[in-house]
Protein backbone atom coordinates (compact mmCIF):
# COMPACT_ATOMS: atom_id res chain seq x y z
CA THR A 1 -13.93 -18.59 -11.48
CA GLN A 2 -11.90 -18.41 -14.63
CA PHE A 3 -12.99 -14.83 -15.24
CA LEU A 4 -11.61 -13.70 -11.86
CA ALA A 5 -8.36 -15.58 -12.42
CA GLU A 6 -7.55 -13.19 -15.29
CA PHE A 7 -7.19 -10.37 -12.72
CA VAL A 8 -5.00 -12.18 -10.20
CA LEU A 9 -1.33 -11.27 -10.21
CA SER A 10 0.87 -14.34 -10.09
CA GLU A 11 4.11 -15.74 -11.56
CA PRO A 12 5.28 -14.87 -14.14
CA LEU A 13 4.78 -11.25 -13.27
CA ARG A 14 5.00 -9.96 -16.83
CA ASP A 15 2.44 -12.27 -18.40
CA PRO A 16 0.54 -10.24 -19.48
CA TRP A 17 2.34 -6.99 -18.82
CA TYR A 18 -0.70 -5.20 -17.39
CA SER A 19 -1.44 -7.86 -14.76
CA PRO A 20 -0.09 -5.74 -11.85
CA LEU A 21 -2.44 -2.89 -12.81
CA LEU A 22 -5.48 -5.10 -13.16
CA ALA A 23 -4.77 -6.87 -9.88
CA THR A 24 -4.73 -3.52 -8.09
CA TYR A 25 -8.20 -2.59 -9.27
CA ALA A 26 -9.87 -5.99 -9.04
CA HIS A 27 -11.30 -7.63 -5.93
CA VAL A 28 -12.32 -11.17 -5.03
CA SER A 29 -15.72 -10.34 -3.55
CA VAL A 30 -18.08 -7.53 -2.63
CA ASP A 31 -16.88 -7.74 0.94
CA HIS A 32 -13.27 -7.46 -0.19
CA LEU A 33 -14.18 -4.40 -2.31
CA LEU A 34 -16.19 -2.69 0.47
CA GLY A 35 -13.47 -3.30 3.03
CA ASN A 36 -10.86 -1.59 0.87
CA LEU A 37 -13.35 1.04 -0.30
CA LEU A 38 -14.17 2.14 3.29
CA ILE A 39 -10.53 2.77 4.12
CA PHE A 40 -9.89 4.27 0.69
CA VAL A 41 -12.68 6.81 1.07
CA VAL A 42 -11.48 7.93 4.52
CA ALA A 43 -7.71 7.78 4.18
CA GLY A 44 -7.53 8.36 0.45
CA GLY A 45 -10.09 11.12 0.70
CA LEU A 46 -8.08 13.02 3.23
CA VAL A 47 -4.83 12.58 1.26
CA SER A 48 -6.55 13.74 -1.93
CA PHE A 49 -7.22 17.22 -0.55
CA GLY A 50 -3.50 18.12 -0.78
CA ALA A 51 -2.17 15.67 -3.37
CA GLY A 52 -3.77 16.74 -6.65
CA ARG A 53 -5.32 14.30 -9.13
CA VAL A 54 -2.18 13.10 -10.91
CA ARG A 55 -0.03 12.62 -7.78
CA PHE A 56 -2.93 10.94 -5.99
CA HIS A 57 -3.52 8.42 -8.78
CA LEU A 58 0.16 7.75 -9.38
CA PHE A 59 0.64 7.10 -5.66
CA TYR A 60 -2.32 4.69 -5.69
CA LEU A 61 -0.85 2.83 -8.73
CA LEU A 62 2.73 2.79 -7.52
CA THR A 63 1.93 1.56 -4.00
CA GLY A 64 -0.62 -0.92 -5.31
CA VAL A 65 1.64 -2.44 -7.92
CA ALA A 66 4.77 -2.40 -5.72
CA SER A 67 2.93 -4.07 -2.84
CA SER A 68 1.38 -6.71 -5.11
CA VAL A 69 4.70 -7.52 -6.84
CA GLY A 70 6.39 -7.58 -3.45
CA GLN A 71 3.75 -10.02 -2.15
CA ILE A 72 4.46 -12.43 -4.98
CA LEU A 73 8.25 -12.17 -4.71
CA LEU A 74 8.39 -12.37 -0.89
CA SER A 75 5.70 -15.01 -0.34
CA GLY A 76 7.72 -17.45 -2.38
CA THR A 77 10.83 -16.80 -0.24
CA LEU A 78 9.50 -15.95 3.19
CA SER A 79 6.24 -17.48 4.20
CA LEU A 80 4.02 -15.05 6.10
CA GLY A 81 0.30 -14.88 5.52
CA ASP A 82 -1.12 -16.13 2.27
CA GLY A 83 -0.92 -15.05 -1.33
CA SER A 84 1.92 -17.11 -2.73
CA ALA A 85 -0.38 -18.39 -5.49
CA GLY A 86 -1.49 -14.88 -6.41
CA VAL A 87 -2.70 -11.50 -5.20
CA ILE A 88 -5.60 -9.38 -6.02
CA GLY A 89 -7.01 -6.14 -4.53
CA ALA A 90 -6.15 -2.62 -3.50
CA SER A 91 -5.08 -3.30 0.11
CA GLY A 92 -1.46 -2.31 -0.44
CA ALA A 93 -2.47 0.98 -2.11
CA VAL A 94 -5.15 1.72 0.44
CA LEU A 95 -2.76 1.08 3.33
CA GLY A 96 -0.24 3.32 1.59
CA PHE A 97 -2.76 6.19 2.08
CA VAL A 98 -3.09 5.23 5.78
CA GLY A 99 0.68 5.25 6.20
CA TYR A 100 0.87 8.59 4.43
CA LEU A 101 -1.65 10.12 6.75
CA LEU A 102 0.23 8.84 9.83
CA THR A 103 3.51 10.57 8.91
CA SER A 104 2.59 13.56 6.77
CA ASN A 105 0.85 15.55 9.51
CA GLY A 106 2.56 18.23 11.56
CA ALA A 107 2.62 16.32 14.84
CA ALA A 108 4.31 13.28 13.32
CA GLN A 109 6.71 15.45 11.40
CA ALA A 110 7.74 17.28 14.59
CA ILE A 111 8.20 14.03 16.53
CA LEU A 112 10.16 12.24 13.84
CA ALA A 113 12.34 15.34 13.15
CA GLY A 114 13.27 15.50 16.83
CA ILE A 115 14.66 11.99 17.12
CA ASN A 116 17.64 10.09 15.72
CA CYS A 117 17.19 8.99 12.06
CA ARG A 118 17.78 5.36 12.94
CA ILE A 119 15.16 5.43 15.72
CA ALA A 120 12.73 7.12 13.31
CA ALA A 121 13.37 4.45 10.68
CA ALA A 122 12.86 1.74 13.29
CA LEU A 123 9.55 3.31 14.39
CA LEU A 124 8.30 3.51 10.78
CA LEU A 125 9.32 -0.12 10.22
CA ALA A 126 7.62 -1.20 13.47
CA ALA A 127 4.48 0.68 12.52
CA ALA A 128 4.34 -1.04 9.15
CA VAL A 129 4.83 -4.51 10.76
CA TYR A 130 2.14 -3.73 13.32
CA ILE A 131 -0.40 -2.57 10.73
CA ALA A 132 0.36 -5.48 8.44
CA LEU A 133 -0.07 -8.05 11.20
CA ARG A 134 -3.23 -6.40 12.55
CA THR A 135 -4.82 -6.34 9.10
CA GLY A 136 -3.62 -9.84 8.20
CA GLY A 137 -5.20 -13.24 8.55
CA PRO A 138 -5.90 -16.42 6.58
CA GLY A 139 -6.05 -15.67 2.85
CA ILE A 140 -4.69 -12.15 3.36
CA ALA A 141 -1.61 -10.86 1.49
CA VAL A 142 0.33 -9.72 4.54
CA TRP A 143 3.47 -8.77 2.60
CA SER A 144 1.35 -6.54 0.40
CA HIS A 145 -0.11 -4.82 3.49
CA PHE A 146 3.38 -4.35 4.93
CA ILE A 147 4.92 -2.97 1.72
CA GLY A 148 1.99 -0.58 1.02
CA THR A 149 1.96 0.71 4.61
CA LEU A 150 5.77 1.19 4.62
CA LEU A 151 5.75 3.02 1.29
CA GLY A 152 3.02 5.33 2.58
CA LEU A 153 4.86 5.98 5.84
CA ILE A 154 8.04 6.90 3.95
CA ALA A 155 6.17 9.03 1.40
CA GLY A 156 4.36 10.84 4.21
CA GLN A 157 7.56 11.45 6.11
CA PHE A 158 8.92 13.29 3.09
CA ASN A 159 5.53 14.82 2.09
CA LEU A 160 6.00 13.42 -1.42
CA LEU A 161 2.41 14.21 -2.43
CA SER A 162 2.69 17.81 -1.41
CA PRO A 163 2.16 20.22 -4.29
CA ARG A 164 4.89 22.59 -3.04
CA LEU A 165 7.54 19.97 -3.96
CA PHE A 166 6.49 20.18 -7.57
CA ASN A 167 5.66 23.92 -7.89
CA ALA A 168 9.01 25.20 -6.61
C-alpha cells in the first residue's frame, strides 16, 4: 500500500532524512513484526540487563540504520537475497542483539582472547555469514541480517554496551 511505502528505506537514502529511522521501526506485516519481536524480547531483553536504557536504544538504532543502509548500498552492487528495491524492519537491529550475546559472554571472551586475532576475526565473519544465510530467504534482506549480526558480534567482543566502559 502507499501508506506502507512511506516507511520503506530506498534510494535516495536521504529523502526524507528520517527514512532510515522509520524503516527500522516499521514492519511489512504482523508476522514480520512478531518474528522480530520474539527475537528482540529474548536477545534484546538479555542485553538490556547490562546495557542501560540509552546505550540499549542507541545500539538498536545504530545497528538498525547501518544494516538497512548497508542493505540498500550492497544489494545494488552485490546481489544476495532480496531488498534492492527497499528495506523495512528491525531484523538488522534484532540480529545485532543476537550477535552481541554470542560474543559478550565470558566463555566466548575467553575463547576469542586465546586465539590469534585473524582467526578470531575470521570466526566472527563466518558466524555473521552463517546467521545471515540461515535467516535469509526470498524477500529477506540478507545483507541487513549480515551487517546487523556482524556489528553485534564486534560490539559484544569489545563489550561496548557495558556500563563500566562509560563510568570509568
